[in-house]
Amino acid sequence: MKYWKKMAAPIIIASITIAYYIGFAVFVTIVPGVPVGIRIIMFVVPLILAVVMLGVLISRIKEIRGGEDDDLSQY
C-alpha cells in the first residue's frame, strides 16, 4: 500500500460518482408516471456510465501502481 495516498482521491471520487449513477437509475424506476421506454433508457444509461467509471478507476489504479503518477505528462 505504498501508493495509498495517491489512490485515495480517485477511489473516493469514483465511488461517489458510481453511487450517484446507480442511485439515479433506481430513482427513475421508482418514480410513477414515466413511460416505459424513457424509464428503460434512463435506467440503462446511468448503469453503463457506472460501469465505464469503474473501468476508468481500475485503469487509473493500474497507472498509479505502475509508477505513473501524473497523467498530464503524456500530453
N, C-alpha and C. Protein backbone atom coordinates (compact mmCIF):
# COMPACT_ATOMS: atom_id res chain seq x y z
N MET A 1 0.82 -1.19 0.00
CA MET A 1 0.00 0.00 0.00
C MET A 1 0.87 1.26 0.00
N LYS A 2 1.90 1.22 -0.77
CA LYS A 2 2.80 2.36 -0.81
C LYS A 2 2.18 3.53 -1.58
N TYR A 3 1.18 3.26 -2.42
CA TYR A 3 0.56 4.31 -3.21
C TYR A 3 -0.82 4.70 -2.69
N TRP A 4 -1.14 4.36 -1.46
CA TRP A 4 -2.48 4.60 -0.93
C TRP A 4 -2.89 6.07 -1.01
N LYS A 5 -2.00 6.98 -0.67
CA LYS A 5 -2.36 8.41 -0.69
C LYS A 5 -2.68 8.88 -2.10
N LYS A 6 -2.00 8.33 -3.08
CA LYS A 6 -2.25 8.74 -4.46
C LYS A 6 -3.51 8.09 -5.02
N MET A 7 -3.92 6.96 -4.47
CA MET A 7 -5.11 6.28 -4.95
C MET A 7 -6.37 6.70 -4.22
N ALA A 8 -6.24 7.39 -3.10
CA ALA A 8 -7.42 7.72 -2.28
C ALA A 8 -8.40 8.62 -3.02
N ALA A 9 -7.91 9.68 -3.62
CA ALA A 9 -8.80 10.63 -4.30
C ALA A 9 -9.54 9.99 -5.47
N PRO A 10 -8.86 9.27 -6.38
CA PRO A 10 -9.62 8.63 -7.46
C PRO A 10 -10.66 7.63 -6.96
N ILE A 11 -10.33 6.89 -5.90
CA ILE A 11 -11.27 5.91 -5.36
C ILE A 11 -12.49 6.60 -4.77
N ILE A 12 -12.27 7.67 -4.02
CA ILE A 12 -13.39 8.39 -3.40
C ILE A 12 -14.28 9.03 -4.45
N ILE A 13 -13.68 9.73 -5.41
CA ILE A 13 -14.46 10.41 -6.45
C ILE A 13 -15.22 9.39 -7.30
N ALA A 14 -14.57 8.31 -7.67
CA ALA A 14 -15.24 7.29 -8.49
C ALA A 14 -16.37 6.63 -7.70
N SER A 15 -16.17 6.38 -6.43
CA SER A 15 -17.22 5.77 -5.61
C SER A 15 -18.44 6.67 -5.50
N ILE A 16 -18.21 7.96 -5.31
CA ILE A 16 -19.32 8.91 -5.23
C ILE A 16 -20.06 8.97 -6.56
N THR A 17 -19.32 9.01 -7.66
CA THR A 17 -19.94 9.09 -8.98
C THR A 17 -20.73 7.82 -9.29
N ILE A 18 -20.17 6.67 -8.99
CA ILE A 18 -20.86 5.41 -9.24
C ILE A 18 -22.13 5.32 -8.38
N ALA A 19 -22.04 5.74 -7.12
CA ALA A 19 -23.23 5.73 -6.25
C ALA A 19 -24.30 6.66 -6.79
N TYR A 20 -23.89 7.81 -7.33
CA TYR A 20 -24.84 8.76 -7.91
C TYR A 20 -25.55 8.14 -9.11
N TYR A 21 -24.79 7.52 -10.01
CA TYR A 21 -25.39 6.91 -11.20
C TYR A 21 -26.36 5.79 -10.83
N ILE A 22 -25.96 4.94 -9.92
CA ILE A 22 -26.82 3.84 -9.50
C ILE A 22 -28.06 4.38 -8.78
N GLY A 23 -27.86 5.36 -7.93
CA GLY A 23 -29.00 5.98 -7.24
C GLY A 23 -29.98 6.61 -8.20
N PHE A 24 -29.46 7.28 -9.22
CA PHE A 24 -30.33 7.88 -10.22
C PHE A 24 -31.11 6.82 -10.97
N ALA A 25 -30.46 5.73 -11.34
CA ALA A 25 -31.13 4.65 -12.06
C ALA A 25 -32.24 4.03 -11.21
N VAL A 26 -31.98 3.85 -9.93
CA VAL A 26 -33.00 3.29 -9.04
C VAL A 26 -34.14 4.29 -8.85
N PHE A 27 -33.82 5.56 -8.70
CA PHE A 27 -34.83 6.60 -8.52
C PHE A 27 -35.78 6.66 -9.71
N VAL A 28 -35.24 6.54 -10.91
CA VAL A 28 -36.06 6.61 -12.12
C VAL A 28 -37.06 5.46 -12.15
N THR A 29 -36.67 4.30 -11.66
CA THR A 29 -37.59 3.17 -11.67
C THR A 29 -38.70 3.32 -10.63
N ILE A 30 -38.47 4.11 -9.60
CA ILE A 30 -39.45 4.28 -8.53
C ILE A 30 -40.49 5.35 -8.90
N VAL A 31 -40.10 6.37 -9.65
CA VAL A 31 -41.00 7.48 -9.97
C VAL A 31 -42.16 6.98 -10.83
N PRO A 32 -43.39 7.23 -10.37
CA PRO A 32 -44.55 6.78 -11.16
C PRO A 32 -44.85 7.74 -12.31
N GLY A 33 -45.49 7.21 -13.32
CA GLY A 33 -45.95 8.04 -14.42
C GLY A 33 -44.95 8.24 -15.55
N VAL A 34 -43.78 7.66 -15.45
CA VAL A 34 -42.78 7.78 -16.51
C VAL A 34 -43.04 6.65 -17.51
N PRO A 35 -43.11 6.99 -18.81
CA PRO A 35 -43.33 5.93 -19.81
C PRO A 35 -42.22 4.87 -19.77
N VAL A 36 -42.58 3.66 -20.14
CA VAL A 36 -41.67 2.52 -20.04
C VAL A 36 -40.40 2.72 -20.87
N GLY A 37 -40.53 3.23 -22.08
CA GLY A 37 -39.35 3.44 -22.94
C GLY A 37 -38.36 4.40 -22.33
N ILE A 38 -38.87 5.51 -21.82
CA ILE A 38 -37.99 6.50 -21.17
C ILE A 38 -37.41 5.92 -19.89
N ARG A 39 -38.20 5.16 -19.17
CA ARG A 39 -37.72 4.55 -17.92
C ARG A 39 -36.56 3.60 -18.20
N ILE A 40 -36.68 2.82 -19.26
CA ILE A 40 -35.61 1.87 -19.61
C ILE A 40 -34.34 2.62 -19.99
N ILE A 41 -34.48 3.64 -20.82
CA ILE A 41 -33.31 4.42 -21.24
C ILE A 41 -32.66 5.10 -20.04
N MET A 42 -33.49 5.70 -19.16
CA MET A 42 -32.96 6.42 -18.01
C MET A 42 -32.45 5.47 -16.93
N PHE A 43 -32.70 4.17 -17.09
CA PHE A 43 -32.15 3.17 -16.18
C PHE A 43 -30.85 2.60 -16.74
N VAL A 44 -30.82 2.33 -18.03
CA VAL A 44 -29.67 1.67 -18.65
C VAL A 44 -28.48 2.62 -18.80
N VAL A 45 -28.72 3.85 -19.23
CA VAL A 45 -27.62 4.79 -19.48
C VAL A 45 -26.80 5.06 -18.21
N PRO A 46 -27.41 5.38 -17.06
CA PRO A 46 -26.59 5.57 -15.86
C PRO A 46 -25.83 4.31 -15.44
N LEU A 47 -26.42 3.14 -15.65
CA LEU A 47 -25.70 1.91 -15.31
C LEU A 47 -24.49 1.70 -16.21
N ILE A 48 -24.63 2.04 -17.49
CA ILE A 48 -23.49 1.95 -18.41
C ILE A 48 -22.40 2.93 -17.97
N LEU A 49 -22.81 4.14 -17.61
CA LEU A 49 -21.83 5.14 -17.14
C LEU A 49 -21.14 4.68 -15.87
N ALA A 50 -21.85 4.01 -14.98
CA ALA A 50 -21.24 3.50 -13.75
C ALA A 50 -20.20 2.43 -14.07
N VAL A 51 -20.50 1.56 -15.02
CA VAL A 51 -19.54 0.52 -15.42
C VAL A 51 -18.31 1.16 -16.05
N VAL A 52 -18.51 2.16 -16.89
CA VAL A 52 -17.38 2.86 -17.52
C VAL A 52 -16.53 3.54 -16.46
N MET A 53 -17.17 4.17 -15.48
CA MET A 53 -16.43 4.83 -14.40
C MET A 53 -15.61 3.82 -13.61
N LEU A 54 -16.16 2.64 -13.39
CA LEU A 54 -15.41 1.59 -12.69
C LEU A 54 -14.19 1.16 -13.52
N GLY A 55 -14.36 1.06 -14.83
CA GLY A 55 -13.24 0.73 -15.70
C GLY A 55 -12.15 1.79 -15.67
N VAL A 56 -12.56 3.06 -15.66
CA VAL A 56 -11.59 4.16 -15.59
C VAL A 56 -10.85 4.11 -14.26
N LEU A 57 -11.56 3.82 -13.18
CA LEU A 57 -10.92 3.72 -11.87
C LEU A 57 -9.88 2.60 -11.84
N ILE A 58 -10.24 1.46 -12.38
CA ILE A 58 -9.30 0.33 -12.42
C ILE A 58 -8.07 0.69 -13.24
N SER A 59 -8.29 1.36 -14.36
CA SER A 59 -7.18 1.79 -15.21
C SER A 59 -6.27 2.77 -14.47
N ARG A 60 -6.87 3.71 -13.75
CA ARG A 60 -6.08 4.70 -13.01
C ARG A 60 -5.28 4.04 -11.88
N ILE A 61 -5.87 3.08 -11.20
CA ILE A 61 -5.15 2.38 -10.13
C ILE A 61 -3.96 1.63 -10.70
N LYS A 62 -4.13 1.01 -11.86
CA LYS A 62 -3.01 0.32 -12.51
C LYS A 62 -1.91 1.30 -12.89
N GLU A 63 -2.28 2.49 -13.37
CA GLU A 63 -1.29 3.50 -13.72
C GLU A 63 -0.50 3.93 -12.49
N ILE A 64 -1.20 4.17 -11.39
CA ILE A 64 -0.53 4.61 -10.16
C ILE A 64 0.40 3.53 -9.65
N ARG A 65 -0.05 2.28 -9.65
CA ARG A 65 0.81 1.18 -9.19
C ARG A 65 1.99 0.97 -10.12
N GLY A 66 1.82 1.32 -11.39
CA GLY A 66 2.90 1.17 -12.35
C GLY A 66 3.93 2.29 -12.28
N GLY A 67 3.69 3.25 -11.41
CA GLY A 67 4.66 4.32 -11.23
C GLY A 67 4.34 5.59 -12.00
N GLU A 68 3.28 5.60 -12.76
CA GLU A 68 2.92 6.81 -13.49
C GLU A 68 1.94 7.62 -12.67
N ASP A 69 2.47 8.61 -11.98
CA ASP A 69 1.65 9.40 -11.07
C ASP A 69 0.93 10.53 -11.77
N ASP A 70 1.51 11.05 -12.84
CA ASP A 70 0.99 12.25 -13.47
C ASP A 70 0.51 11.92 -14.89
N ASP A 71 -0.80 11.95 -15.08
CA ASP A 71 -1.36 11.71 -16.41
C ASP A 71 -1.02 12.82 -17.39
N LEU A 72 -0.86 14.02 -16.89
CA LEU A 72 -0.60 15.16 -17.78
C LEU A 72 0.77 15.10 -18.45
N SER A 73 1.65 14.27 -17.93
CA SER A 73 2.98 14.18 -18.54
C SER A 73 2.93 13.54 -19.92
N GLN A 74 1.80 12.90 -20.25
CA GLN A 74 1.67 12.26 -21.56
C GLN A 74 1.37 13.27 -22.67
N TYR A 75 0.94 14.47 -22.29
CA TYR A 75 0.49 15.44 -23.28
C TYR A 75 1.44 16.58 -23.43
